[in-house]
Amino acid sequence: MGSFVVKEDLESYKFALSCFEEFFQAPDVVMTDQDPALISAISKNWNQTHHLFCLFHIYRNIQKRLLSIWGKKRSLSQTFLLYPKN
């Protein structure tokens, strides 16, 4: 599902999810980034739907945090951050 919302807040996401349900059933599983408003909207609108985090976004957050801890030490970052960046 893709959607454009004017504002990335709880009410906008709840509206987008309810519009989705006008044409389709609520999905069994949804994968998203870690947006708290979207997570909350999913749990409120689709309480039977399982929510998963997108692996790409998880990995990107790990990269950011590890690089902030290690700084620019190439040997450590290259050892643990081998995942492609595209």
C-alpha atoms as a PDB file:
ATOM      1  CA  MET A   1       0.000   0.000   0.000  1.00  0.00           C
ATOM      2  CA  GLY A   2       1.249   3.448  -0.763  1.00  0.00           C
ATOM      3  CA  SER A   3      -0.385   6.613   0.414  1.00  0.00           C
ATOM      4  CA  PHE A   4       0.179  10.332   0.399  1.00  0.00           C
ATOM      5  CA  VAL A   5      -0.786  12.161   3.556  1.00  0.00           C
ATOM      6  CA  VAL A   6      -0.688  15.909   4.083  1.00  0.00           C
ATOM      7  CA  LYS A   7       0.672  15.510   7.589  1.00  0.00           C
ATOM      8  CA  GLU A   8       2.383  12.465   9.076  1.00  0.00           C
ATOM      9  CA  ASP A   9       0.311  12.347  12.251  1.00  0.00           C
ATOM     10  CA  LEU A  10      -2.077   9.890  13.879  1.00  0.00           C
ATOM     11  CA  GLU A  11      -5.269  11.360  12.409  1.00  0.00           C
ATOM     12  CA  SER A  12      -3.890  11.465   8.856  1.00  0.00           C
ATOM     13  CA  TYR A  13      -2.710   7.867   9.066  1.00  0.00           C
ATOM     14  CA  LYS A  14      -6.000   6.685  10.559  1.00  0.00           C
ATOM     15  CA  PHE A  15      -7.828   8.370   7.679  1.00  0.00           C
ATOM     16  CA  ALA A  16      -5.514   6.770   5.082  1.00  0.00           C
ATOM     17  CA  LEU A  17      -6.016   3.322   6.630  1.00  0.00           C
ATOM     18  CA  SER A  18      -9.794   3.724   6.698  1.00  0.00           C
ATOM     19  CA  CYS A  19      -9.751   4.756   3.011  1.00  0.00           C
ATOM     20  CA  PHE A  20      -7.713   1.646   2.240  1.00  0.00           C
ATOM     21  CA  GLU A  21     -10.371  -0.466   3.959  1.00  0.00           C
ATOM     22  CA  GLU A  22     -13.071   0.915   1.678  1.00  0.00           C
ATOM     23  CA  PHE A  23     -11.519  -1.094  -1.171  1.00  0.00           C
ATOM     24  CA  PHE A  24      -9.582  -3.900   0.556  1.00  0.00           C
ATOM     25  CA  GLN A  25      -9.658  -5.928   3.739  1.00  0.00           C
ATOM     26  CA  ALA A  26      -7.291  -5.024   6.542  1.00  0.00           C
ATOM     27  CA  PRO A  27      -4.086  -6.969   5.912  1.00  0.00           C
ATOM     28  CA  ASP A  28      -2.823  -9.730   8.183  1.00  0.00           C
ATOM     29  CA  VAL A  29       0.665  -8.208   8.282  1.00  0.00           C
ATOM     30  CA  VAL A  30       2.000  -4.674   7.690  1.00  0.00           C
ATOM     31  CA  MET A  31       5.666  -3.704   7.395  1.00  0.00           C
ATOM     32  CA  THR A  32       6.598  -0.063   8.030  1.00  0.00           C
ATOM     33  CA  ASP A  33       9.395   2.186   9.159  1.00  0.00           C
ATOM     34  CA  GLN A  34       9.469   3.155  12.831  1.00  0.00           C
ATOM     35  CA  ASP A  35       7.045   6.095  12.644  1.00  0.00           C
ATOM     36  CA  PRO A  36       5.210   6.171  16.017  1.00  0.00           C
ATOM     37  CA  ALA A  37       2.078   7.817  14.571  1.00  0.00           C
ATOM     38  CA  LEU A  38       1.750   5.166  11.860  1.00  0.00           C
ATOM     39  CA  ILE A  39       2.326   2.360  14.362  1.00  0.00           C
ATOM     40  CA  SER A  40      -0.386   3.807  16.593  1.00  0.00           C
ATOM     41  CA  ALA A  41      -2.826   4.191  13.681  1.00  0.00           C
ATOM     42  CA  ILE A  42      -2.277   0.576  12.651  1.00  0.00           C
ATOM     43  CA  SER A  43      -2.940  -0.687  16.176  1.00  0.00           C
ATOM     44  CA  LYS A  44      -6.095   1.453  16.467  1.00  0.00           C
ATOM     45  CA  ASN A  45      -7.569   0.808  13.006  1.00  0.00           C
ATOM     46  CA  TRP A  46      -6.347  -2.722  12.417  1.00  0.00           C
ATOM     47  CA  ASN A  47      -6.000  -4.287  15.864  1.00  0.00           C
ATOM     48  CA  GLN A  48      -5.814  -7.816  14.388  1.00  0.00           C
ATOM     49  CA  THR A  49      -2.992  -6.883  12.000  1.00  0.00           C
ATOM     50  CA  HIS A  50       0.573  -7.840  12.925  1.00  0.00           C
ATOM     51  CA  HIS A  51       3.045  -4.995  12.596  1.00  0.00           C
ATOM     52  CA  LEU A  52       6.657  -5.569  11.553  1.00  0.00           C
ATOM     53  CA  PHE A  53       9.525  -3.124  11.133  1.00  0.00           C
ATOM     54  CA  CYS A  54      11.212  -2.840   7.768  1.00  0.00           C
ATOM     55  CA  LEU A  55      14.650  -4.468   7.872  1.00  0.00           C
ATOM     56  CA  PHE A  56      16.136  -1.755   5.667  1.00  0.00           C
ATOM     57  CA  HIS A  57      15.137   0.953   8.176  1.00  0.00           C
ATOM     58  CA  ILE A  58      16.347  -1.106  11.136  1.00  0.00           C
ATOM     59  CA  TYR A  59      19.704  -1.636   9.489  1.00  0.00           C
ATOM     60  CA  ARG A  60      20.021   2.035   8.554  1.00  0.00           C
ATOM     61  CA  ASN A  61      19.408   3.021  12.196  1.00  0.00           C
ATOM     62  CA  ILE A  62      22.008   0.507  13.369  1.00  0.00           C
ATOM     63  CA  GLN A  63      24.513   1.999  10.926  1.00  0.00           C
ATOM     64  CA  LYS A  64      23.867   5.529  12.187  1.00  0.00           C
ATOM     65  CA  ARG A  65      24.216   4.537  15.821  1.00  0.00           C
ATOM     66  CA  LEU A  66      27.327   2.441  15.358  1.00  0.00           C
ATOM     67  CA  LEU A  67      29.022   5.125  13.290  1.00  0.00           C
ATOM     68  CA  SER A  68      28.242   7.692  15.976  1.00  0.00           C
ATOM     69  CA  ILE A  69      29.839   5.394  18.580  1.00  0.00           C
ATOM     70  CA  TRP A  70      32.856   4.380  16.515  1.00  0.00           C
ATOM     71  CA  GLY A  71      33.321   7.629  14.675  1.00  0.00           C
ATOM     72  CA  LYS A  72      35.076   7.297  11.361  1.00  0.00           C
ATOM     73  CA  LYS A  73      37.209   4.260  12.263  1.00  0.00           C
ATOM     74  CA  ARG A  74      37.123   2.511   8.882  1.00  0.00           C
ATOM     75  CA  SER A  75      38.233  -0.915  10.084  1.00  0.00           C
ATOM     76  CA  LEU A  76      35.417  -1.277  12.619  1.00  0.00           C
ATOM     77  CA  SER A  77      32.731   0.245  10.429  1.00  0.00           C
ATOM     78  CA  GLN A  78      33.733  -1.831   7.400  1.00  0.00           C
ATOM     79  CA  THR A  79      33.711  -5.015   9.473  1.00  0.00           C
ATOM     80  CA  PHE A  80      30.175  -4.531  10.789  1.00  0.00           C
ATOM     81  CA  LEU A  81      28.531  -2.416   8.109  1.00  0.00           C
ATOM     82  CA  LEU A  82      28.881  -4.553   5.004  1.00  0.00           C
ATOM     83  CA  TYR A  83      25.220  -4.264   3.977  1.00  0.00           C
ATOM     84  CA  PRO A  84      24.714  -2.305   0.723  1.00  0.00           C
ATOM     85  CA  LYS A  85      23.669   1.313   1.234  1.00  0.00           C
ATOM     86  CA  ASN A  86      21.286   1.642  -1.755  1.00  0.00           C
END
